[in-house]
Amino acid sequence: MKLKILLADDVEEIAEAVGEMLEYNGYDVDIVYNGKDALDKGEQNLYDCIILDVMMPIIDGFEVVKKLRKMNIKTPIILLTAKSMVDDKVEGLELGANDYLTKPFNKKELIARIRALTRDEEEKKVKYKIGNLTFNKETYQLSKDNTSLNLSKHECDIIEFFIKNPERKISQDELKHRIWSNEENSDSIVPMYMNYLQEKFIVLNANVKINDINGYKLEEFV
C-alpha cells in the first residue's frame, strides 16, 4: 500500500511540480491550494504525511497545524515556507509541526524528511499476529497452525490498514479511497472484499471478525 500524502501550496505550479516528484518516488498524493481545503482534507485523517505551505489563503499553514492537533490528529506535518526567521520555525514546531523546510528547498531533502517522519518500526515487520492468525504481508498469506490461505494485494492492504488503525471504525469511503485510490470502482467493492476476508476467517476458524456496524473494524472475540 502506497503511503498517502496531502500537499497544500497556493502556487499551483510549485504544487504540481512537487506532487509529480512525490508520485515519481512512489507516493500517492492529493493536492490542494488553500488552507481551508487542507484542513478539510487533513481532518479526514487519511494521510501518512501532510506537507503545508505556511502562507496560504483563507487559513494559513500555522492555523491548519493548530486546528489539526486540537482534533488529536497526529499525522506527521512538514511546513514549507519562504520565511527563514527562527521565530517562525519555532512557532510552527510549537504548534505541532514535525519538521520545517525553507523555500527554495532541495527535492531530495524533502523526500528524505518524509521518509524519516513516516519510518515506522512496524513497517520493518513482515509478520503480524491478529488474534489466533498470522498475517505475512511479504508472502500475502493468512495462516493458522499449519493452514495458510493466499490473499490478494487488496486484501493484504485492507488488513494492513486495519492493523494501523486498531482503535477506530473506518468508513467505506475511507477504505475505498485508501485501498483503491484513484481506481474506478463501484460502491459495492468494499463490502465485497469484506465478505472475502470474512470467509477466509471462517475457513481458518479464526477468533477475529470484521465488525461492520457504522463502519468497519477488525476485532478479536473470545
N, C-alpha and C. Protein backbone atom coordinates (compact mmCIF):
# COMPACT_ATOMS: atom_id res chain seq x y z
N MET A 1 0.84 -1.18 0.00
CA MET A 1 0.00 0.00 0.00
C MET A 1 0.89 1.24 0.00
N LYS A 2 0.67 2.13 -0.95
CA LYS A 2 1.47 3.35 -1.03
C LYS A 2 1.17 4.26 0.15
N LEU A 3 2.20 4.96 0.61
CA LEU A 3 1.97 6.00 1.60
C LEU A 3 1.24 7.15 0.94
N LYS A 4 0.29 7.74 1.66
CA LYS A 4 -0.55 8.79 1.10
C LYS A 4 -0.17 10.13 1.71
N ILE A 5 0.03 11.12 0.84
CA ILE A 5 0.48 12.43 1.27
C ILE A 5 -0.51 13.50 0.85
N LEU A 6 -0.76 14.45 1.74
CA LEU A 6 -1.53 15.65 1.41
C LEU A 6 -0.54 16.80 1.23
N LEU A 7 -0.60 17.44 0.07
CA LEU A 7 0.28 18.56 -0.24
C LEU A 7 -0.56 19.81 -0.44
N ALA A 8 -0.26 20.87 0.31
CA ALA A 8 -1.01 22.12 0.21
C ALA A 8 -0.07 23.28 -0.08
N ASP A 9 -0.27 23.92 -1.23
CA ASP A 9 0.53 25.09 -1.62
C ASP A 9 -0.32 25.93 -2.57
N ASP A 10 -0.41 27.23 -2.32
CA ASP A 10 -1.27 28.07 -3.14
C ASP A 10 -0.67 28.42 -4.49
N VAL A 11 0.62 28.15 -4.69
CA VAL A 11 1.24 28.37 -6.00
C VAL A 11 1.10 27.07 -6.79
N GLU A 12 0.17 27.06 -7.73
CA GLU A 12 -0.18 25.81 -8.41
C GLU A 12 1.00 25.17 -9.13
N GLU A 13 1.84 25.99 -9.75
CA GLU A 13 2.98 25.43 -10.48
C GLU A 13 3.92 24.68 -9.54
N ILE A 14 4.16 25.24 -8.36
CA ILE A 14 5.02 24.57 -7.38
C ILE A 14 4.34 23.30 -6.87
N ALA A 15 3.05 23.40 -6.54
CA ALA A 15 2.33 22.24 -6.02
C ALA A 15 2.34 21.09 -7.01
N GLU A 16 2.08 21.41 -8.28
CA GLU A 16 2.04 20.35 -9.30
C GLU A 16 3.42 19.72 -9.49
N ALA A 17 4.46 20.55 -9.49
CA ALA A 17 5.82 20.02 -9.68
C ALA A 17 6.23 19.12 -8.51
N VAL A 18 5.96 19.58 -7.29
CA VAL A 18 6.30 18.77 -6.11
C VAL A 18 5.46 17.50 -6.08
N GLY A 19 4.18 17.63 -6.44
CA GLY A 19 3.30 16.46 -6.48
C GLY A 19 3.79 15.40 -7.45
N GLU A 20 4.21 15.83 -8.63
CA GLU A 20 4.74 14.88 -9.63
C GLU A 20 6.00 14.21 -9.11
N MET A 21 6.86 14.99 -8.44
CA MET A 21 8.08 14.42 -7.89
C MET A 21 7.77 13.38 -6.82
N LEU A 22 6.80 13.66 -5.97
CA LEU A 22 6.42 12.71 -4.92
C LEU A 22 5.83 11.44 -5.52
N GLU A 23 4.98 11.59 -6.52
CA GLU A 23 4.39 10.42 -7.17
C GLU A 23 5.46 9.58 -7.86
N TYR A 24 6.44 10.25 -8.46
CA TYR A 24 7.56 9.54 -9.10
C TYR A 24 8.32 8.70 -8.08
N ASN A 25 8.35 9.18 -6.84
CA ASN A 25 9.06 8.46 -5.76
C ASN A 25 8.16 7.47 -5.03
N GLY A 26 6.99 7.21 -5.58
CA GLY A 26 6.17 6.12 -5.06
C GLY A 26 5.08 6.50 -4.09
N TYR A 27 4.80 7.80 -3.94
CA TYR A 27 3.75 8.23 -3.02
C TYR A 27 2.44 8.50 -3.76
N ASP A 28 1.35 8.34 -3.04
CA ASP A 28 0.03 8.70 -3.54
C ASP A 28 -0.27 10.09 -3.00
N VAL A 29 -0.54 11.07 -3.87
CA VAL A 29 -0.58 12.47 -3.46
C VAL A 29 -1.92 13.12 -3.79
N ASP A 30 -2.48 13.82 -2.80
CA ASP A 30 -3.61 14.72 -3.01
C ASP A 30 -3.08 16.15 -2.89
N ILE A 31 -3.50 17.03 -3.80
CA ILE A 31 -3.02 18.40 -3.80
C ILE A 31 -4.19 19.36 -3.59
N VAL A 32 -4.00 20.34 -2.70
CA VAL A 32 -4.97 21.42 -2.51
C VAL A 32 -4.21 22.74 -2.54
N TYR A 33 -4.97 23.84 -2.71
CA TYR A 33 -4.32 25.13 -2.97
C TYR A 33 -4.66 26.22 -1.96
N ASN A 34 -5.30 25.86 -0.87
CA ASN A 34 -5.55 26.82 0.20
C ASN A 34 -5.67 26.10 1.54
N GLY A 35 -5.58 26.88 2.61
CA GLY A 35 -5.57 26.29 3.94
C GLY A 35 -6.87 25.63 4.34
N LYS A 36 -8.00 26.19 3.89
CA LYS A 36 -9.28 25.59 4.25
C LYS A 36 -9.41 24.19 3.68
N ASP A 37 -9.06 24.03 2.41
CA ASP A 37 -9.13 22.70 1.79
C ASP A 37 -8.14 21.75 2.46
N ALA A 38 -6.99 22.27 2.85
CA ALA A 38 -6.01 21.44 3.56
C ALA A 38 -6.57 20.95 4.88
N LEU A 39 -7.24 21.84 5.59
CA LEU A 39 -7.84 21.45 6.87
C LEU A 39 -8.96 20.44 6.67
N ASP A 40 -9.82 20.68 5.69
CA ASP A 40 -10.92 19.76 5.41
C ASP A 40 -10.41 18.37 5.07
N LYS A 41 -9.37 18.32 4.24
CA LYS A 41 -8.79 17.02 3.86
C LYS A 41 -8.06 16.39 5.04
N GLY A 42 -7.29 17.21 5.74
CA GLY A 42 -6.47 16.68 6.84
C GLY A 42 -7.29 16.10 7.96
N GLU A 43 -8.47 16.68 8.24
CA GLU A 43 -9.26 16.19 9.36
C GLU A 43 -9.91 14.85 9.05
N GLN A 44 -9.89 14.43 7.78
CA GLN A 44 -10.38 13.09 7.44
C GLN A 44 -9.41 12.01 7.89
N ASN A 45 -8.17 12.42 8.24
CA ASN A 45 -7.17 11.50 8.81
C ASN A 45 -6.84 10.36 7.86
N LEU A 46 -6.74 10.69 6.57
CA LEU A 46 -6.45 9.67 5.57
C LEU A 46 -4.97 9.56 5.23
N TYR A 47 -4.15 10.45 5.78
CA TYR A 47 -2.80 10.64 5.24
C TYR A 47 -1.72 10.13 6.17
N ASP A 48 -0.60 9.75 5.55
CA ASP A 48 0.57 9.33 6.31
C ASP A 48 1.51 10.50 6.58
N CYS A 49 1.37 11.57 5.79
CA CYS A 49 2.18 12.77 5.98
C CYS A 49 1.45 13.94 5.33
N ILE A 50 1.55 15.13 5.94
CA ILE A 50 0.94 16.34 5.39
C ILE A 50 2.05 17.37 5.19
N ILE A 51 2.09 17.95 3.99
CA ILE A 51 3.07 18.99 3.66
C ILE A 51 2.31 20.29 3.43
N LEU A 52 2.59 21.30 4.25
CA LEU A 52 1.83 22.55 4.23
C LEU A 52 2.72 23.74 3.94
N ASP A 53 2.33 24.55 2.95
CA ASP A 53 2.92 25.86 2.81
C ASP A 53 2.36 26.73 3.93
N VAL A 54 3.17 27.60 4.50
CA VAL A 54 2.69 28.45 5.59
C VAL A 54 1.79 29.56 5.07
N MET A 55 2.23 30.27 4.04
CA MET A 55 1.50 31.42 3.52
C MET A 55 0.47 30.96 2.49
N MET A 56 -0.75 30.66 2.98
CA MET A 56 -1.84 30.23 2.10
C MET A 56 -3.07 31.08 2.34
N PRO A 57 -3.93 31.21 1.33
CA PRO A 57 -5.16 31.99 1.51
C PRO A 57 -6.18 31.27 2.40
N ILE A 58 -7.11 32.05 2.92
CA ILE A 58 -8.22 31.63 3.77
C ILE A 58 -7.73 31.26 5.17
N ILE A 59 -6.93 30.20 5.26
CA ILE A 59 -6.32 29.81 6.54
C ILE A 59 -4.84 29.55 6.27
N ASP A 60 -3.95 30.12 7.09
CA ASP A 60 -2.53 29.87 6.85
C ASP A 60 -2.11 28.51 7.42
N GLY A 61 -0.90 28.10 7.06
CA GLY A 61 -0.42 26.78 7.47
C GLY A 61 -0.32 26.61 8.97
N PHE A 62 0.08 27.67 9.68
CA PHE A 62 0.16 27.60 11.14
C PHE A 62 -1.20 27.26 11.74
N GLU A 63 -2.24 27.91 11.24
CA GLU A 63 -3.58 27.68 11.78
C GLU A 63 -4.07 26.28 11.46
N VAL A 64 -3.70 25.77 10.28
CA VAL A 64 -4.08 24.40 9.91
C VAL A 64 -3.45 23.41 10.89
N VAL A 65 -2.16 23.59 11.17
CA VAL A 65 -1.48 22.72 12.13
C VAL A 65 -2.17 22.78 13.49
N LYS A 66 -2.44 23.99 13.94
CA LYS A 66 -3.06 24.18 15.25
C LYS A 66 -4.39 23.46 15.34
N LYS A 67 -5.23 23.61 14.33
CA LYS A 67 -6.56 23.00 14.36
C LYS A 67 -6.48 21.48 14.25
N LEU A 68 -5.59 20.97 13.42
CA LEU A 68 -5.46 19.51 13.30
C LEU A 68 -5.00 18.88 14.61
N ARG A 69 -4.05 19.54 15.27
CA ARG A 69 -3.57 18.98 16.54
C ARG A 69 -4.65 19.05 17.62
N LYS A 70 -5.50 20.07 17.57
CA LYS A 70 -6.59 20.15 18.53
C LYS A 70 -7.59 19.02 18.32
N MET A 71 -7.68 18.52 17.08
CA MET A 71 -8.55 17.39 16.77
C MET A 71 -7.88 16.06 17.12
N ASN A 72 -6.67 16.14 17.68
CA ASN A 72 -5.89 14.95 18.06
C ASN A 72 -5.47 14.14 16.84
N ILE A 73 -5.32 14.81 15.70
CA ILE A 73 -4.80 14.16 14.50
C ILE A 73 -3.28 14.26 14.56
N LYS A 74 -2.62 13.12 14.61
CA LYS A 74 -1.18 13.08 14.87
C LYS A 74 -0.34 12.83 13.62
N THR A 75 -0.95 12.96 12.45
CA THR A 75 -0.23 12.77 11.20
C THR A 75 1.00 13.67 11.16
N PRO A 76 2.17 13.14 10.79
CA PRO A 76 3.36 13.98 10.68
C PRO A 76 3.14 15.14 9.70
N ILE A 77 3.58 16.33 10.08
CA ILE A 77 3.40 17.54 9.27
C ILE A 77 4.74 18.21 9.00
N ILE A 78 4.98 18.52 7.72
CA ILE A 78 6.14 19.30 7.31
C ILE A 78 5.64 20.65 6.81
N LEU A 79 6.21 21.72 7.36
CA LEU A 79 5.85 23.06 6.91
C LEU A 79 6.85 23.55 5.87
N LEU A 80 6.34 24.14 4.79
CA LEU A 80 7.16 24.76 3.76
C LEU A 80 6.90 26.26 3.79
N THR A 81 7.96 27.04 3.75
CA THR A 81 7.75 28.48 3.78
C THR A 81 8.93 29.23 3.19
N ALA A 82 8.64 30.43 2.70
CA ALA A 82 9.70 31.31 2.22
C ALA A 82 10.36 32.01 3.40
N LYS A 83 9.72 31.96 4.55
CA LYS A 83 10.27 32.60 5.74
C LYS A 83 11.42 31.78 6.31
N SER A 84 12.46 32.47 6.71
CA SER A 84 13.61 31.76 7.30
C SER A 84 13.90 32.21 8.72
N MET A 85 13.01 33.06 9.26
CA MET A 85 13.22 33.55 10.62
C MET A 85 13.09 32.42 11.63
N VAL A 86 13.98 32.42 12.60
CA VAL A 86 13.97 31.38 13.63
C VAL A 86 12.64 31.38 14.38
N ASP A 87 12.10 32.56 14.68
CA ASP A 87 10.85 32.64 15.43
C ASP A 87 9.71 31.96 14.69
N ASP A 88 9.68 32.09 13.35
CA ASP A 88 8.63 31.44 12.56
C ASP A 88 8.76 29.92 12.64
N LYS A 89 9.98 29.44 12.57
CA LYS A 89 10.20 28.00 12.66
C LYS A 89 9.78 27.48 14.03
N VAL A 90 10.16 28.21 15.06
CA VAL A 90 9.81 27.82 16.43
C VAL A 90 8.29 27.80 16.59
N GLU A 91 7.61 28.82 16.06
CA GLU A 91 6.15 28.87 16.18
C GLU A 91 5.50 27.65 15.55
N GLY A 92 5.94 27.30 14.34
CA GLY A 92 5.37 26.14 13.66
C GLY A 92 5.59 24.86 14.43
N LEU A 93 6.79 24.67 14.95
CA LEU A 93 7.11 23.46 15.69
C LEU A 93 6.35 23.40 17.02
N GLU A 94 6.20 24.55 17.67
CA GLU A 94 5.48 24.56 18.93
C GLU A 94 3.99 24.31 18.75
N LEU A 95 3.46 24.67 17.58
CA LEU A 95 2.06 24.40 17.29
C LEU A 95 1.80 22.93 17.00
N GLY A 96 2.87 22.19 16.69
CA GLY A 96 2.70 20.76 16.48
C GLY A 96 3.27 20.22 15.19
N ALA A 97 3.87 21.09 14.36
CA ALA A 97 4.53 20.58 13.14
C ALA A 97 5.73 19.73 13.54
N ASN A 98 6.06 18.76 12.70
CA ASN A 98 7.18 17.86 13.00
C ASN A 98 8.49 18.30 12.36
N ASP A 99 8.38 19.07 11.27
CA ASP A 99 9.59 19.46 10.56
C ASP A 99 9.31 20.73 9.76
N TYR A 100 10.38 21.31 9.21
CA TYR A 100 10.29 22.63 8.60
C TYR A 100 11.30 22.70 7.46
N LEU A 101 10.87 23.15 6.29
CA LEU A 101 11.78 23.37 5.17
C LEU A 101 11.56 24.77 4.62
N THR A 102 12.65 25.47 4.37
CA THR A 102 12.57 26.82 3.84
C THR A 102 12.71 26.79 2.32
N LYS A 103 11.82 27.47 1.63
CA LYS A 103 11.90 27.58 0.17
C LYS A 103 13.03 28.51 -0.23
N PRO A 104 13.72 28.24 -1.34
CA PRO A 104 13.61 27.03 -2.17
C PRO A 104 14.30 25.87 -1.46
N PHE A 105 13.75 24.67 -1.62
CA PHE A 105 14.31 23.51 -0.94
C PHE A 105 14.75 22.47 -1.96
N ASN A 106 15.63 21.61 -1.52
CA ASN A 106 16.11 20.51 -2.36
C ASN A 106 15.09 19.37 -2.33
N LYS A 107 14.68 18.90 -3.48
CA LYS A 107 13.65 17.86 -3.53
C LYS A 107 14.10 16.57 -2.85
N LYS A 108 15.38 16.25 -2.99
CA LYS A 108 15.88 15.05 -2.33
C LYS A 108 15.80 15.18 -0.81
N GLU A 109 16.01 16.40 -0.32
CA GLU A 109 15.91 16.62 1.12
C GLU A 109 14.47 16.44 1.60
N LEU A 110 13.50 16.92 0.80
CA LEU A 110 12.10 16.73 1.16
C LEU A 110 11.76 15.25 1.25
N ILE A 111 12.19 14.48 0.26
CA ILE A 111 11.94 13.03 0.28
C ILE A 111 12.57 12.40 1.51
N ALA A 112 13.79 12.80 1.83
CA ALA A 112 14.48 12.24 2.99
C ALA A 112 13.73 12.56 4.28
N ARG A 113 13.20 13.77 4.38
CA ARG A 113 12.48 14.17 5.59
C ARG A 113 11.14 13.43 5.70
N ILE A 114 10.48 13.23 4.56
CA ILE A 114 9.24 12.44 4.57
C ILE A 114 9.52 11.02 5.04
N ARG A 115 10.57 10.43 4.51
CA ARG A 115 10.92 9.07 4.89
C ARG A 115 11.26 8.97 6.36
N ALA A 116 11.95 9.97 6.88
CA ALA A 116 12.30 9.96 8.30
C ALA A 116 11.06 10.04 9.18
N LEU A 117 10.09 10.86 8.77
CA LEU A 117 8.88 11.04 9.58
C LEU A 117 7.92 9.87 9.48
N THR A 118 7.94 9.17 8.36
CA THR A 118 6.99 8.07 8.17
C THR A 118 7.61 6.71 8.42
N ARG A 119 8.86 6.72 8.83
CA ARG A 119 9.53 5.45 9.12
C ARG A 119 8.99 4.89 10.42
N ASP A 120 8.32 3.79 10.33
CA ASP A 120 7.69 3.17 11.50
C ASP A 120 8.33 1.81 11.73
N GLU A 121 8.68 1.56 12.95
CA GLU A 121 9.30 0.26 13.25
C GLU A 121 8.41 -0.89 12.82
N GLU A 122 7.09 -0.68 12.87
CA GLU A 122 6.19 -1.76 12.45
C GLU A 122 6.36 -2.09 10.99
N GLU A 123 6.80 -1.09 10.19
CA GLU A 123 6.98 -1.33 8.76
C GLU A 123 8.08 -2.36 8.51
N LYS A 124 8.98 -2.49 9.47
CA LYS A 124 10.07 -3.43 9.31
C LYS A 124 9.62 -4.86 9.55
N LYS A 125 8.47 -5.01 10.18
CA LYS A 125 7.97 -6.34 10.45
C LYS A 125 7.33 -6.93 9.21
N VAL A 126 7.48 -8.22 9.06
CA VAL A 126 6.85 -8.92 7.95
C VAL A 126 5.61 -9.64 8.43
N LYS A 127 5.68 -10.15 9.66
CA LYS A 127 4.56 -10.93 10.19
C LYS A 127 3.86 -10.19 11.33
N TYR A 128 2.54 -10.31 11.33
CA TYR A 128 1.73 -9.70 12.38
C TYR A 128 0.82 -10.78 12.98
N LYS A 129 0.60 -10.69 14.28
CA LYS A 129 -0.39 -11.55 14.93
C LYS A 129 -1.72 -10.83 14.97
N ILE A 130 -2.76 -11.50 14.50
CA ILE A 130 -4.12 -10.97 14.57
C ILE A 130 -4.97 -12.04 15.24
N GLY A 131 -5.21 -11.88 16.53
CA GLY A 131 -5.90 -12.94 17.25
C GLY A 131 -5.09 -14.22 17.16
N ASN A 132 -5.74 -15.30 16.70
CA ASN A 132 -5.04 -16.58 16.55
C ASN A 132 -4.49 -16.78 15.14
N LEU A 133 -4.45 -15.71 14.37
CA LEU A 133 -3.95 -15.78 13.00
C LEU A 133 -2.57 -15.12 12.89
N THR A 134 -1.85 -15.50 11.84
CA THR A 134 -0.61 -14.83 11.48
C THR A 134 -0.78 -14.25 10.08
N PHE A 135 -0.50 -12.96 9.95
CA PHE A 135 -0.59 -12.29 8.66
C PHE A 135 0.83 -11.98 8.19
N ASN A 136 1.19 -12.52 7.03
CA ASN A 136 2.51 -12.29 6.44
C ASN A 136 2.33 -11.39 5.22
N LYS A 137 2.71 -10.14 5.35
CA LYS A 137 2.45 -9.20 4.26
C LYS A 137 3.45 -9.35 3.12
N GLU A 138 4.54 -10.08 3.37
CA GLU A 138 5.52 -10.30 2.31
C GLU A 138 5.09 -11.43 1.38
N THR A 139 4.49 -12.48 1.96
CA THR A 139 4.06 -13.62 1.15
C THR A 139 2.58 -13.57 0.79
N TYR A 140 1.87 -12.52 1.31
CA TYR A 140 0.44 -12.37 1.04
C TYR A 140 -0.34 -13.57 1.58
N GLN A 141 -0.01 -13.99 2.79
CA GLN A 141 -0.68 -15.16 3.36
C GLN A 141 -1.26 -14.88 4.73
N LEU A 142 -2.38 -15.54 4.99
CA LEU A 142 -3.05 -15.52 6.28
C LEU A 142 -3.06 -16.96 6.75
N SER A 143 -2.59 -17.21 7.96
CA SER A 143 -2.45 -18.61 8.39
C SER A 143 -2.80 -18.81 9.85
N LYS A 144 -3.15 -20.08 10.13
CA LYS A 144 -3.38 -20.53 11.50
C LYS A 144 -2.87 -21.96 11.59
N ASP A 145 -2.01 -22.19 12.56
CA ASP A 145 -1.38 -23.51 12.71
C ASP A 145 -0.71 -23.90 11.39
N ASN A 146 -1.12 -24.99 10.78
CA ASN A 146 -0.48 -25.44 9.54
C ASN A 146 -1.29 -25.14 8.30
N THR A 147 -2.32 -24.31 8.43
CA THR A 147 -3.17 -23.98 7.30
C THR A 147 -2.94 -22.53 6.89
N SER A 148 -2.70 -22.32 5.59
CA SER A 148 -2.47 -20.97 5.08
C SER A 148 -3.37 -20.70 3.89
N LEU A 149 -3.82 -19.47 3.78
CA LEU A 149 -4.62 -19.04 2.64
C LEU A 149 -3.92 -17.86 1.97
N ASN A 150 -3.93 -17.86 0.64
CA ASN A 150 -3.35 -16.75 -0.10
C ASN A 150 -4.32 -15.58 -0.16
N LEU A 151 -3.78 -14.37 -0.06
CA LEU A 151 -4.58 -13.16 -0.13
C LEU A 151 -4.24 -12.38 -1.40
N SER A 152 -5.21 -11.63 -1.87
CA SER A 152 -4.93 -10.71 -2.98
C SER A 152 -4.22 -9.49 -2.41
N LYS A 153 -3.66 -8.66 -3.29
CA LYS A 153 -2.97 -7.46 -2.84
C LYS A 153 -3.94 -6.55 -2.09
N HIS A 154 -5.16 -6.39 -2.61
CA HIS A 154 -6.12 -5.51 -1.95
C HIS A 154 -6.53 -6.05 -0.59
N GLU A 155 -6.65 -7.37 -0.47
CA GLU A 155 -6.97 -7.96 0.83
C GLU A 155 -5.85 -7.70 1.83
N CYS A 156 -4.60 -7.82 1.37
CA CYS A 156 -3.45 -7.51 2.24
C CYS A 156 -3.46 -6.05 2.67
N ASP A 157 -3.75 -5.18 1.71
CA ASP A 157 -3.77 -3.75 2.02
C ASP A 157 -4.85 -3.43 3.05
N ILE A 158 -6.00 -4.08 2.93
CA ILE A 158 -7.09 -3.85 3.88
C ILE A 158 -6.68 -4.29 5.28
N ILE A 159 -6.12 -5.50 5.40
CA ILE A 159 -5.70 -5.99 6.71
C ILE A 159 -4.63 -5.09 7.31
N GLU A 160 -3.68 -4.68 6.49
CA GLU A 160 -2.62 -3.80 6.99
C GLU A 160 -3.20 -2.47 7.47
N PHE A 161 -4.18 -1.96 6.75
CA PHE A 161 -4.80 -0.69 7.15
C PHE A 161 -5.55 -0.85 8.47
N PHE A 162 -6.22 -2.00 8.65
CA PHE A 162 -6.87 -2.28 9.94
C PHE A 162 -5.84 -2.33 11.07
N ILE A 163 -4.71 -2.98 10.81
CA ILE A 163 -3.67 -3.11 11.83
C ILE A 163 -3.15 -1.74 12.24
N LYS A 164 -3.03 -0.82 11.28
CA LYS A 164 -2.51 0.51 11.57
C LYS A 164 -3.55 1.41 12.23
N ASN A 165 -4.81 1.00 12.19
CA ASN A 165 -5.89 1.80 12.78
C ASN A 165 -6.73 0.93 13.71
N PRO A 166 -6.14 0.42 14.78
CA PRO A 166 -6.82 -0.59 15.60
C PRO A 166 -7.95 -0.06 16.47
N GLU A 167 -7.96 1.24 16.73
CA GLU A 167 -8.89 1.77 17.73
C GLU A 167 -10.10 2.48 17.15
N ARG A 168 -10.24 2.53 15.83
CA ARG A 168 -11.35 3.31 15.29
C ARG A 168 -12.08 2.58 14.18
N LYS A 169 -13.34 2.95 14.01
CA LYS A 169 -14.14 2.45 12.89
C LYS A 169 -13.72 3.19 11.62
N ILE A 170 -13.63 2.47 10.53
CA ILE A 170 -13.18 3.05 9.27
C ILE A 170 -14.35 3.03 8.30
N SER A 171 -14.63 4.16 7.71
CA SER A 171 -15.79 4.26 6.83
C SER A 171 -15.52 3.58 5.49
N GLN A 172 -16.61 3.28 4.80
CA GLN A 172 -16.50 2.67 3.47
C GLN A 172 -15.77 3.60 2.51
N ASP A 173 -16.07 4.89 2.58
CA ASP A 173 -15.41 5.86 1.70
C ASP A 173 -13.92 5.93 1.97
N GLU A 174 -13.53 5.89 3.24
CA GLU A 174 -12.12 5.96 3.58
C GLU A 174 -11.37 4.73 3.07
N LEU A 175 -11.97 3.56 3.25
CA LEU A 175 -11.33 2.35 2.75
C LEU A 175 -11.20 2.38 1.23
N LYS A 176 -12.24 2.80 0.58
CA LYS A 176 -12.20 2.86 -0.89
C LYS A 176 -11.12 3.83 -1.36
N HIS A 177 -11.02 4.96 -0.66
CA HIS A 177 -10.04 5.98 -1.04
C HIS A 177 -8.62 5.50 -0.80
N ARG A 178 -8.40 4.82 0.32
CA ARG A 178 -7.04 4.38 0.65
C ARG A 178 -6.61 3.14 -0.10
N ILE A 179 -7.51 2.17 -0.26
CA ILE A 179 -7.10 0.90 -0.85
C ILE A 179 -7.12 0.93 -2.36
N TRP A 180 -8.14 1.57 -2.90
CA TRP A 180 -8.26 1.59 -4.37
C TRP A 180 -7.83 2.92 -4.97
N SER A 181 -7.52 3.89 -4.13
CA SER A 181 -7.00 5.17 -4.56
C SER A 181 -7.84 5.75 -5.69
N ASN A 182 -7.22 5.96 -6.85
CA ASN A 182 -7.93 6.60 -7.96
C ASN A 182 -8.55 5.59 -8.93
N GLU A 183 -8.53 4.33 -8.57
CA GLU A 183 -9.14 3.33 -9.44
C GLU A 183 -10.65 3.53 -9.49
N GLU A 184 -11.23 3.31 -10.64
CA GLU A 184 -12.68 3.43 -10.80
C GLU A 184 -13.33 2.13 -10.33
N ASN A 185 -14.12 2.22 -9.27
CA ASN A 185 -14.82 1.05 -8.74
C ASN A 185 -16.17 1.47 -8.18
N SER A 186 -17.10 0.53 -8.18
CA SER A 186 -18.43 0.82 -7.65
C SER A 186 -18.39 0.82 -6.12
N ASP A 187 -19.46 1.34 -5.53
CA ASP A 187 -19.54 1.39 -4.06
C ASP A 187 -19.61 0.00 -3.44
N SER A 188 -19.90 -1.01 -4.25
CA SER A 188 -20.01 -2.37 -3.72
C SER A 188 -18.65 -3.04 -3.51
N ILE A 189 -17.57 -2.39 -3.96
CA ILE A 189 -16.26 -3.04 -3.91
C ILE A 189 -15.81 -3.29 -2.48
N VAL A 190 -16.07 -2.35 -1.56
CA VAL A 190 -15.63 -2.53 -0.17
C VAL A 190 -16.41 -3.65 0.52
N PRO A 191 -17.76 -3.65 0.50
CA PRO A 191 -18.48 -4.78 1.11
C PRO A 191 -18.09 -6.13 0.51
N MET A 192 -17.83 -6.13 -0.78
CA MET A 192 -17.45 -7.38 -1.44
C MET A 192 -16.14 -7.92 -0.86
N TYR A 193 -15.15 -7.06 -0.69
CA TYR A 193 -13.87 -7.50 -0.15
C TYR A 193 -13.96 -7.83 1.34
N MET A 194 -14.84 -7.15 2.06
CA MET A 194 -15.06 -7.51 3.46
C MET A 194 -15.61 -8.94 3.56
N ASN A 195 -16.50 -9.28 2.65
CA ASN A 195 -17.03 -10.65 2.62
C ASN A 195 -15.95 -11.66 2.29
N TYR A 196 -15.07 -11.30 1.34
CA TYR A 196 -13.96 -12.21 1.01
C TYR A 196 -13.13 -12.51 2.26
N LEU A 197 -12.82 -11.47 3.02
CA LEU A 197 -11.98 -11.66 4.21
C LEU A 197 -12.73 -12.43 5.30
N GLN A 198 -14.02 -12.11 5.49
CA GLN A 198 -14.81 -12.83 6.50
C GLN A 198 -14.82 -14.32 6.18
N GLU A 199 -14.97 -14.67 4.92
CA GLU A 199 -14.99 -16.08 4.52
C GLU A 199 -13.67 -16.76 4.83
N LYS A 200 -12.57 -16.05 4.63
CA LYS A 200 -11.25 -16.62 4.93
C LYS A 200 -11.09 -16.81 6.44
N PHE A 201 -11.59 -15.88 7.24
CA PHE A 201 -11.53 -16.04 8.69
C PHE A 201 -12.30 -17.28 9.13
N ILE A 202 -13.44 -17.50 8.51
CA ILE A 202 -14.27 -18.67 8.86
C ILE A 202 -13.55 -19.96 8.50
N VAL A 203 -12.96 -20.01 7.31
CA VAL A 203 -12.23 -21.20 6.86
C VAL A 203 -11.10 -21.53 7.83
N LEU A 204 -10.43 -20.49 8.33
CA LEU A 204 -9.31 -20.71 9.25
C LEU A 204 -9.74 -20.86 10.71
N ASN A 205 -11.06 -20.81 10.95
CA ASN A 205 -11.58 -20.90 12.32
C ASN A 205 -10.92 -19.84 13.20
N ALA A 206 -10.90 -18.63 12.69
CA ALA A 206 -10.23 -17.52 13.37
C ALA A 206 -11.09 -16.96 14.50
N ASN A 207 -10.43 -16.36 15.47
CA ASN A 207 -11.17 -15.68 16.54
C ASN A 207 -11.17 -14.16 16.30
N VAL A 208 -11.15 -13.77 15.02
CA VAL A 208 -11.28 -12.37 14.64
C VAL A 208 -12.40 -12.24 13.60
N LYS A 209 -12.99 -11.08 13.55
CA LYS A 209 -14.04 -10.81 12.58
C LYS A 209 -14.03 -9.33 12.24
N ILE A 210 -14.71 -8.96 11.17
CA ILE A 210 -14.84 -7.56 10.79
C ILE A 210 -16.20 -7.07 11.26
N ASN A 211 -16.18 -6.18 12.24
CA ASN A 211 -17.41 -5.55 12.71
C ASN A 211 -17.80 -4.49 11.68
N ASP A 212 -19.01 -4.62 11.10
CA ASP A 212 -19.41 -3.70 10.03
C ASP A 212 -20.57 -2.79 10.43
N ILE A 213 -20.71 -2.53 11.71
CA ILE A 213 -21.76 -1.63 12.19
C ILE A 213 -21.20 -0.21 12.27
N ASN A 214 -21.78 0.69 11.50
CA ASN A 214 -21.34 2.10 11.46
C ASN A 214 -19.86 2.23 11.10
N GLY A 215 -19.47 1.48 10.08
CA GLY A 215 -18.07 1.48 9.66
C GLY A 215 -17.49 0.09 9.81
N TYR A 216 -16.18 -0.03 9.59
CA TYR A 216 -15.52 -1.32 9.66
C TYR A 216 -14.39 -1.31 10.68
N LYS A 217 -14.30 -2.41 11.42
CA LYS A 217 -13.23 -2.55 12.40
C LYS A 217 -12.91 -4.03 12.57
N LEU A 218 -11.62 -4.35 12.56
CA LEU A 218 -11.19 -5.72 12.77
C LEU A 218 -11.10 -5.98 14.27
N GLU A 219 -11.88 -6.98 14.74
CA GLU A 219 -11.98 -7.21 16.18
C GLU A 219 -11.71 -8.67 16.52
N GLU A 220 -11.11 -8.86 17.68
CA GLU A 220 -10.91 -10.21 18.22
C GLU A 220 -12.07 -10.53 19.16
N PHE A 221 -12.50 -11.77 19.14
CA PHE A 221 -13.57 -12.19 20.05
C PHE A 221 -13.15 -13.48 20.75
N VAL A 222 -13.80 -13.73 21.86
CA VAL A 222 -13.47 -14.94 22.66
C VAL A 222 -14.38 -16.08 22.22
